[in-house]
């Protein structure tokens, strides 16, 4: 329960400080969705079979993630 209050106090403290920082800096936060739509077929190689097992492929899925950025002027 104490952790919840400390977290709330920290958020309020940061929120109170944002107008002072906003005059000289840029602070951004939000959520972004990354959609690479990437894939690779079966891997092959000239090395030993232990490094390139048969049927290995790659597919990169879409992902949503939170971001925070700070840019000084």
PDB file of N, CA and C in Angstrom:
ATOM      1  N   UNK A   1       0.821  -1.190   0.000  1.00  0.00           N
ATOM      2  CA  UNK A   1       0.000   0.000   0.000  1.00  0.00           C
ATOM      3  C   UNK A   1       0.867   1.258   0.000  1.00  0.00           C
ATOM      4  N   UNK A   2       1.987   1.209   0.741  1.00  0.00           N
ATOM      5  CA  UNK A   2       2.869   2.376   0.783  1.00  0.00           C
ATOM      6  C   UNK A   2       3.478   2.646  -0.584  1.00  0.00           C
ATOM      7  N   UNK A   3       3.779   1.573  -1.328  1.00  0.00           N
ATOM      8  CA  UNK A   3       4.364   1.732  -2.656  1.00  0.00           C
ATOM      9  C   UNK A   3       3.418   2.492  -3.567  1.00  0.00           C
ATOM     10  N   UNK A   4       2.136   2.226  -3.444  1.00  0.00           N
ATOM     11  CA  UNK A   4       1.134   2.918  -4.255  1.00  0.00           C
ATOM     12  C   UNK A   4       1.161   4.419  -3.970  1.00  0.00           C
ATOM     13  N   UNK A   5       1.261   4.788  -2.699  1.00  0.00           N
ATOM     14  CA  UNK A   5       1.298   6.205  -2.329  1.00  0.00           C
ATOM     15  C   UNK A   5       2.594   6.884  -2.788  1.00  0.00           C
ATOM     16  N   UNK A   6       3.718   6.174  -2.694  1.00  0.00           N
ATOM     17  CA  UNK A   6       4.978   6.731  -3.167  1.00  0.00           C
ATOM     18  C   UNK A   6       4.943   6.949  -4.677  1.00  0.00           C
ATOM     19  N   UNK A   7       4.353   5.994  -5.402  1.00  0.00           N
ATOM     20  CA  UNK A   7       4.219   6.123  -6.847  1.00  0.00           C
ATOM     21  C   UNK A   7       3.320   7.304  -7.207  1.00  0.00           C
ATOM     22  N   UNK A   8       2.207   7.442  -6.525  1.00  0.00           N
ATOM     23  CA  UNK A   8       1.301   8.560  -6.767  1.00  0.00           C
ATOM     24  C   UNK A   8       1.983   9.892  -6.451  1.00  0.00           C
ATOM     25  N   UNK A   9       2.735   9.947  -5.359  1.00  0.00           N
ATOM     26  CA  UNK A   9       3.453  11.174  -5.001  1.00  0.00           C
ATOM     27  C   UNK A   9       4.508  11.502  -6.055  1.00  0.00           C
ATOM     28  N   UNK A  10       5.188  10.488  -6.583  1.00  0.00           N
ATOM     29  CA  UNK A  10       6.185  10.714  -7.626  1.00  0.00           C
ATOM     30  C   UNK A  10       5.558  11.249  -8.898  1.00  0.00           C
ATOM     31  N   UNK A  11       4.423  10.688  -9.286  1.00  0.00           N
ATOM     32  CA  UNK A  11       3.729  11.163 -10.489  1.00  0.00           C
ATOM     33  C   UNK A  11       3.273  12.605 -10.308  1.00  0.00           C
ATOM     34  N   UNK A  12       2.742  12.932  -9.145  1.00  0.00           N
ATOM     35  CA  UNK A  12       2.311  14.310  -8.885  1.00  0.00           C
ATOM     36  C   UNK A  12       3.487  15.279  -8.887  1.00  0.00           C
ATOM     37  N   UNK A  13       4.601  14.851  -8.346  1.00  0.00           N
ATOM     38  CA  UNK A  13       5.798  15.684  -8.322  1.00  0.00           C
ATOM     39  C   UNK A  13       6.313  15.942  -9.733  1.00  0.00           C
ATOM     40  N   UNK A  14       6.356  14.911 -10.552  1.00  0.00           N
ATOM     41  CA  UNK A  14       6.809  15.064 -11.939  1.00  0.00           C
ATOM     42  C   UNK A  14       5.843  15.948 -12.711  1.00  0.00           C
ATOM     43  N   UNK A  15       4.535  15.757 -12.496  1.00  0.00           N
ATOM     44  CA  UNK A  15       3.530  16.563 -13.182  1.00  0.00           C
ATOM     45  C   UNK A  15       3.666  18.037 -12.805  1.00  0.00           C
ATOM     46  N   UNK A  16       3.991  18.313 -11.562  1.00  0.00           N
ATOM     47  CA  UNK A  16       4.170  19.697 -11.127  1.00  0.00           C
ATOM     48  C   UNK A  16       5.427  20.311 -11.740  1.00  0.00           C
ATOM     49  N   UNK A  17       6.446  19.494 -12.006  1.00  0.00           N
ATOM     50  CA  UNK A  17       7.702  20.000 -12.548  1.00  0.00           C
ATOM     51  C   UNK A  17       7.673  20.156 -14.060  1.00  0.00           C
ATOM     52  N   UNK A  18       6.738  19.512 -14.746  1.00  0.00           N
ATOM     53  CA  UNK A  18       6.698  19.544 -16.205  1.00  0.00           C
ATOM     54  C   UNK A  18       6.556  20.956 -16.773  1.00  0.00           C
ATOM     55  N   UNK A  19       5.690  21.840 -16.256  1.00  0.00           N
ATOM     56  CA  UNK A  19       5.612  23.184 -16.833  1.00  0.00           C
ATOM     57  C   UNK A  19       6.937  23.953 -16.777  1.00  0.00           C
ATOM     58  N   UNK A  20       7.710  23.769 -15.733  1.00  0.00           N
ATOM     59  CA  UNK A  20       9.008  24.438 -15.643  1.00  0.00           C
ATOM     60  C   UNK A  20       9.978  23.874 -16.676  1.00  0.00           C
ATOM     61  N   UNK A  21       9.944  22.577 -16.894  1.00  0.00           N
ATOM     62  CA  UNK A  21      10.825  21.960 -17.881  1.00  0.00           C
ATOM     63  C   UNK A  21      10.374  22.258 -19.305  1.00  0.00           C
ATOM     64  N   UNK A  22       9.083  22.395 -19.508  1.00  0.00           N
ATOM     65  CA  UNK A  22       8.545  22.570 -20.853  1.00  0.00           C
ATOM     66  C   UNK A  22       8.972  23.886 -21.488  1.00  0.00           C
ATOM     67  N   UNK A  23       9.377  24.858 -20.703  1.00  0.00           N
ATOM     68  CA  UNK A  23       9.807  26.137 -21.253  1.00  0.00           C
ATOM     69  C   UNK A  23      11.140  26.007 -21.983  1.00  0.00           C
ATOM     70  N   UNK A  24      11.975  25.062 -21.604  1.00  0.00           N
ATOM     71  CA  UNK A  24      13.288  24.924 -22.195  1.00  0.00           C
ATOM     72  C   UNK A  24      13.498  23.590 -22.899  1.00  0.00           C
ATOM     73  N   UNK A  25      12.649  22.614 -22.653  1.00  0.00           N
ATOM     74  CA  UNK A  25      12.862  21.270 -23.163  1.00  0.00           C
ATOM     75  C   UNK A  25      11.564  20.694 -23.719  1.00  0.00           C
ATOM     76  N   UNK A  26      11.700  19.598 -24.432  1.00  0.00           N
ATOM     77  CA  UNK A  26      10.536  18.898 -24.959  1.00  0.00           C
ATOM     78  C   UNK A  26      10.477  17.518 -24.334  1.00  0.00           C
ATOM     79  N   UNK A  27       9.342  17.199 -23.738  1.00  0.00           N
ATOM     80  CA  UNK A  27       9.121  15.886 -23.142  1.00  0.00           C
ATOM     81  C   UNK A  27       7.917  15.272 -23.843  1.00  0.00           C
ATOM     82  N   UNK A  28       8.087  14.055 -24.337  1.00  0.00           N
ATOM     83  CA  UNK A  28       7.007  13.358 -25.022  1.00  0.00           C
ATOM     84  C   UNK A  28       6.862  11.956 -24.446  1.00  0.00           C
ATOM     85  N   UNK A  29       5.623  11.508 -24.361  1.00  0.00           N
ATOM     86  CA  UNK A  29       5.371  10.126 -23.977  1.00  0.00           C
ATOM     87  C   UNK A  29       4.084   9.671 -24.635  1.00  0.00           C
ATOM     88  N   UNK A  30       3.990   8.386 -24.861  1.00  0.00           N
ATOM     89  CA  UNK A  30       2.811   7.841 -25.502  1.00  0.00           C
ATOM     90  C   UNK A  30       3.000   6.387 -25.848  1.00  0.00           C
ATOM     91  N   UNK A  31       2.225   5.932 -26.817  1.00  0.00           N
ATOM     92  CA  UNK A  31       2.270   4.546 -27.269  1.00  0.00           C
ATOM     93  C   UNK A  31       2.441   4.550 -28.777  1.00  0.00           C
ATOM     94  N   UNK A  32       3.277   3.684 -29.280  1.00  0.00           N
ATOM     95  CA  UNK A  32       3.489   3.570 -30.717  1.00  0.00           C
ATOM     96  C   UNK A  32       3.326   2.116 -31.143  1.00  0.00           C
ATOM     97  N   UNK A  33       2.937   1.914 -32.379  1.00  0.00           N
ATOM     98  CA  UNK A  33       2.772   0.574 -32.926  1.00  0.00           C
ATOM     99  C   UNK A  33       3.787   0.389 -34.049  1.00  0.00           C
ATOM    100  N   UNK A  34       4.643  -0.615 -33.920  1.00  0.00           N
ATOM    101  CA  UNK A  34       5.685  -0.884 -34.909  1.00  0.00           C
ATOM    102  C   UNK A  34       5.233  -2.077 -35.740  1.00  0.00           C
ATOM    103  N   UNK A  35       5.202  -1.909 -37.073  1.00  0.00           N
ATOM    104  CA  UNK A  35       4.743  -2.957 -37.970  1.00  0.00           C
ATOM    105  C   UNK A  35       5.805  -3.238 -39.025  1.00  0.00           C
ATOM    106  N   UNK A  36       6.810  -4.070 -38.713  1.00  0.00           N
ATOM    107  CA  UNK A  36       7.885  -4.307 -39.674  1.00  0.00           C
ATOM    108  C   UNK A  36       7.506  -5.230 -40.829  1.00  0.00           C
ATOM    109  N   UNK A  37       6.547  -6.139 -40.640  1.00  0.00           N
ATOM    110  CA  UNK A  37       6.156  -7.101 -41.676  1.00  0.00           C
ATOM    111  C   UNK A  37       7.381  -7.769 -42.301  1.00  0.00           C
ATOM    112  N   UNK A  38       8.275  -8.291 -41.480  1.00  0.00           N
ATOM    113  CA  UNK A  38       9.509  -8.911 -41.967  1.00  0.00           C
ATOM    114  C   UNK A  38       9.492 -10.413 -41.725  1.00  0.00           C
ATOM    115  N   UNK A  39      10.092 -11.143 -42.650  1.00  0.00           N
ATOM    116  CA  UNK A  39      10.240 -12.578 -42.473  1.00  0.00           C
ATOM    117  C   UNK A  39      11.435 -13.044 -43.293  1.00  0.00           C
ATOM    118  N   UNK A  40      11.943 -14.210 -42.954  1.00  0.00           N
ATOM    119  CA  UNK A  40      13.043 -14.826 -43.689  1.00  0.00           C
ATOM    120  C   UNK A  40      12.736 -16.303 -43.826  1.00  0.00           C
ATOM    121  N   UNK A  41      13.022 -16.857 -44.984  1.00  0.00           N
ATOM    122  CA  UNK A  41      12.781 -18.277 -45.225  1.00  0.00           C
ATOM    123  C   UNK A  41      13.768 -19.150 -44.485  1.00  0.00           C
ATOM    124  N   UNK A  42      13.822 -20.414 -44.863  1.00  0.00           N
ATOM    125  CA  UNK A  42      14.739 -21.351 -44.218  1.00  0.00           C
ATOM    126  C   UNK A  42      16.179 -20.861 -44.326  1.00  0.00           C
ATOM    127  N   UNK A  43      16.881 -20.898 -43.184  1.00  0.00           N
ATOM    128  CA  UNK A  43      18.280 -20.492 -43.161  1.00  0.00           C
ATOM    129  C   UNK A  43      19.138 -21.578 -43.796  1.00  0.00           C
ATOM    130  N   UNK A  44      20.221 -21.173 -44.388  1.00  0.00           N
ATOM    131  CA  UNK A  44      21.190 -22.137 -44.901  1.00  0.00           C
ATOM    132  C   UNK A  44      22.576 -21.541 -44.723  1.00  0.00           C
ATOM    133  N   UNK A  45      23.570 -22.362 -44.702  1.00  0.00           N
ATOM    134  CA  UNK A  45      24.922 -21.872 -44.521  1.00  0.00           C
ATOM    135  C   UNK A  45      25.946 -22.911 -44.900  1.00  0.00           C
ATOM    136  N   UNK A  46      27.195 -22.475 -44.935  1.00  0.00           N
ATOM    137  CA  UNK A  46      28.293 -23.358 -45.305  1.00  0.00           C
ATOM    138  C   UNK A  46      28.944 -24.001 -44.088  1.00  0.00           C
ATOM    139  N   UNK A  47      28.522 -23.584 -42.883  1.00  0.00           N
ATOM    140  CA  UNK A  47      29.147 -24.082 -41.664  1.00  0.00           C
ATOM    141  C   UNK A  47      28.598 -25.438 -41.256  1.00  0.00           C
ATOM    142  N   UNK A  48      29.006 -25.878 -40.067  1.00  0.00           N
ATOM    143  CA  UNK A  48      28.515 -27.162 -39.557  1.00  0.00           C
ATOM    144  C   UNK A  48      26.990 -27.146 -39.385  1.00  0.00           C
ATOM    145  N   UNK A  49      26.384 -28.312 -39.448  1.00  0.00           N
ATOM    146  CA  UNK A  49      24.932 -28.431 -39.343  1.00  0.00           C
ATOM    147  C   UNK A  49      24.403 -27.927 -37.996  1.00  0.00           C
ATOM    148  N   UNK A  50      25.236 -27.922 -36.960  1.00  0.00           N
ATOM    149  CA  UNK A  50      24.802 -27.461 -35.640  1.00  0.00           C
ATOM    150  C   UNK A  50      24.448 -25.976 -35.646  1.00  0.00           C
ATOM    151  N   UNK A  51      25.054 -25.209 -36.545  1.00  0.00           N
ATOM    152  CA  UNK A  51      24.796 -23.776 -36.593  1.00  0.00           C
ATOM    153  C   UNK A  51      23.613 -23.408 -37.479  1.00  0.00           C
ATOM    154  N   UNK A  52      23.228 -24.277 -38.383  1.00  0.00           N
ATOM    155  CA  UNK A  52      22.092 -24.010 -39.256  1.00  0.00           C
ATOM    156  C   UNK A  52      21.157 -25.221 -39.273  1.00  0.00           C
ATOM    157  N   UNK A  53      20.335 -25.370 -38.232  1.00  0.00           N
ATOM    158  CA  UNK A  53      19.429 -26.514 -38.195  1.00  0.00           C
ATOM    159  C   UNK A  53      18.384 -26.408 -39.308  1.00  0.00           C
ATOM    160  N   UNK A  54      17.963 -27.534 -39.871  1.00  0.00           N
ATOM    161  CA  UNK A  54      16.986 -27.491 -40.956  1.00  0.00           C
ATOM    162  C   UNK A  54      15.629 -26.977 -40.475  1.00  0.00           C
ATOM    163  N   UNK A  55      14.963 -26.253 -41.349  1.00  0.00           N
ATOM    164  CA  UNK A  55      13.633 -25.737 -41.021  1.00  0.00           C
ATOM    165  C   UNK A  55      13.638 -24.482 -40.178  1.00  0.00           C
ATOM    166  N   UNK A  56      14.775 -23.839 -39.995  1.00  0.00           N
ATOM    167  CA  UNK A  56      14.837 -22.609 -39.210  1.00  0.00           C
ATOM    168  C   UNK A  56      14.425 -21.437 -40.085  1.00  0.00           C
ATOM    169  N   UNK A  57      13.498 -20.636 -39.597  1.00  0.00           N
ATOM    170  CA  UNK A  57      13.076 -19.434 -40.313  1.00  0.00           C
ATOM    171  C   UNK A  57      12.792 -18.339 -39.293  1.00  0.00           C
ATOM    172  N   UNK A  58      12.472 -17.164 -39.777  1.00  0.00           N
ATOM    173  CA  UNK A  58      12.268 -16.016 -38.901  1.00  0.00           C
ATOM    174  C   UNK A  58      11.049 -15.243 -39.353  1.00  0.00           C
ATOM    175  N   UNK A  59      10.219 -14.835 -38.389  1.00  0.00           N
ATOM    176  CA  UNK A  59       9.082 -13.971 -38.659  1.00  0.00           C
ATOM    177  C   UNK A  59       9.023 -12.928 -37.558  1.00  0.00           C
ATOM    178  N   UNK A  60       9.032 -11.648 -37.909  1.00  0.00           N
ATOM    179  CA  UNK A  60       8.994 -10.553 -36.939  1.00  0.00           C
ATOM    180  C   UNK A  60       7.563 -10.040 -36.878  1.00  0.00           C
ATOM    181  N   UNK A  61       6.962 -10.130 -35.709  1.00  0.00           N
ATOM    182  CA  UNK A  61       5.560  -9.729 -35.537  1.00  0.00           C
ATOM    183  C   UNK A  61       5.438  -8.251 -35.203  1.00  0.00           C
ATOM    184  N   UNK A  62       4.225  -7.734 -35.371  1.00  0.00           N
ATOM    185  CA  UNK A  62       3.925  -6.359 -34.999  1.00  0.00           C
ATOM    186  C   UNK A  62       3.955  -6.242 -33.475  1.00  0.00           C
ATOM    187  N   UNK A  63       4.264  -5.040 -32.994  1.00  0.00           N
ATOM    188  CA  UNK A  63       4.358  -4.836 -31.558  1.00  0.00           C
ATOM    189  C   UNK A  63       3.967  -3.420 -31.200  1.00  0.00           C
ATOM    190  N   UNK A  64       3.194  -3.264 -30.144  1.00  0.00           N
ATOM    191  CA  UNK A  64       2.876  -1.953 -29.588  1.00  0.00           C
ATOM    192  C   UNK A  64       3.744  -1.759 -28.352  1.00  0.00           C
ATOM    193  N   UNK A  65       4.299  -0.573 -28.207  1.00  0.00           N
ATOM    194  CA  UNK A  65       5.180  -0.308 -27.072  1.00  0.00           C
ATOM    195  C   UNK A  65       5.023   1.132 -26.602  1.00  0.00           C
ATOM    196  N   UNK A  66       5.250   1.344 -25.334  1.00  0.00           N
ATOM    197  CA  UNK A  66       5.211   2.698 -24.773  1.00  0.00           C
ATOM    198  C   UNK A  66       6.544   3.375 -25.014  1.00  0.00           C
ATOM    199  N   UNK A  67       6.539   4.705 -25.149  1.00  0.00           N
ATOM    200  CA  UNK A  67       7.790   5.425 -25.320  1.00  0.00           C
ATOM    201  C   UNK A  67       7.808   6.687 -24.482  1.00  0.00           C
ATOM    202  N   UNK A  68       9.008   7.129 -24.182  1.00  0.00           N
ATOM    203  CA  UNK A  68       9.259   8.366 -23.445  1.00  0.00           C
ATOM    204  C   UNK A  68      10.482   9.009 -24.073  1.00  0.00           C
ATOM    205  N   UNK A  69      10.393  10.281 -24.405  1.00  0.00           N
ATOM    206  CA  UNK A  69      11.552  10.962 -24.967  1.00  0.00           C
ATOM    207  C   UNK A  69      11.742  12.322 -24.312  1.00  0.00           C
ATOM    208  N   UNK A  70      12.973  12.732 -24.215  1.00  0.00           N
ATOM    209  CA  UNK A  70      13.345  14.017 -23.652  1.00  0.00           C
ATOM    210  C   UNK A  70      14.342  14.676 -24.584  1.00  0.00           C
ATOM    211  N   UNK A  71      14.037  15.896 -25.027  1.00  0.00           N
ATOM    212  CA  UNK A  71      14.918  16.615 -25.949  1.00  0.00           C
ATOM    213  C   UNK A  71      15.238  17.994 -25.400  1.00  0.00           C
ATOM    214  N   UNK A  72      16.487  18.245 -25.012  1.00  0.00           N
ATOM    215  CA  UNK A  72      16.850  19.598 -24.558  1.00  0.00           C
ATOM    216  C   UNK A  72      16.968  20.540 -25.738  1.00  0.00           C
ATOM    217  N   UNK A  73      16.682  21.798 -25.537  1.00  0.00           N
ATOM    218  CA  UNK A  73      16.806  22.791 -26.606  1.00  0.00           C
ATOM    219  C   UNK A  73      18.242  23.161 -26.820  1.00  0.00           C
TER     220      UNK A  73
END
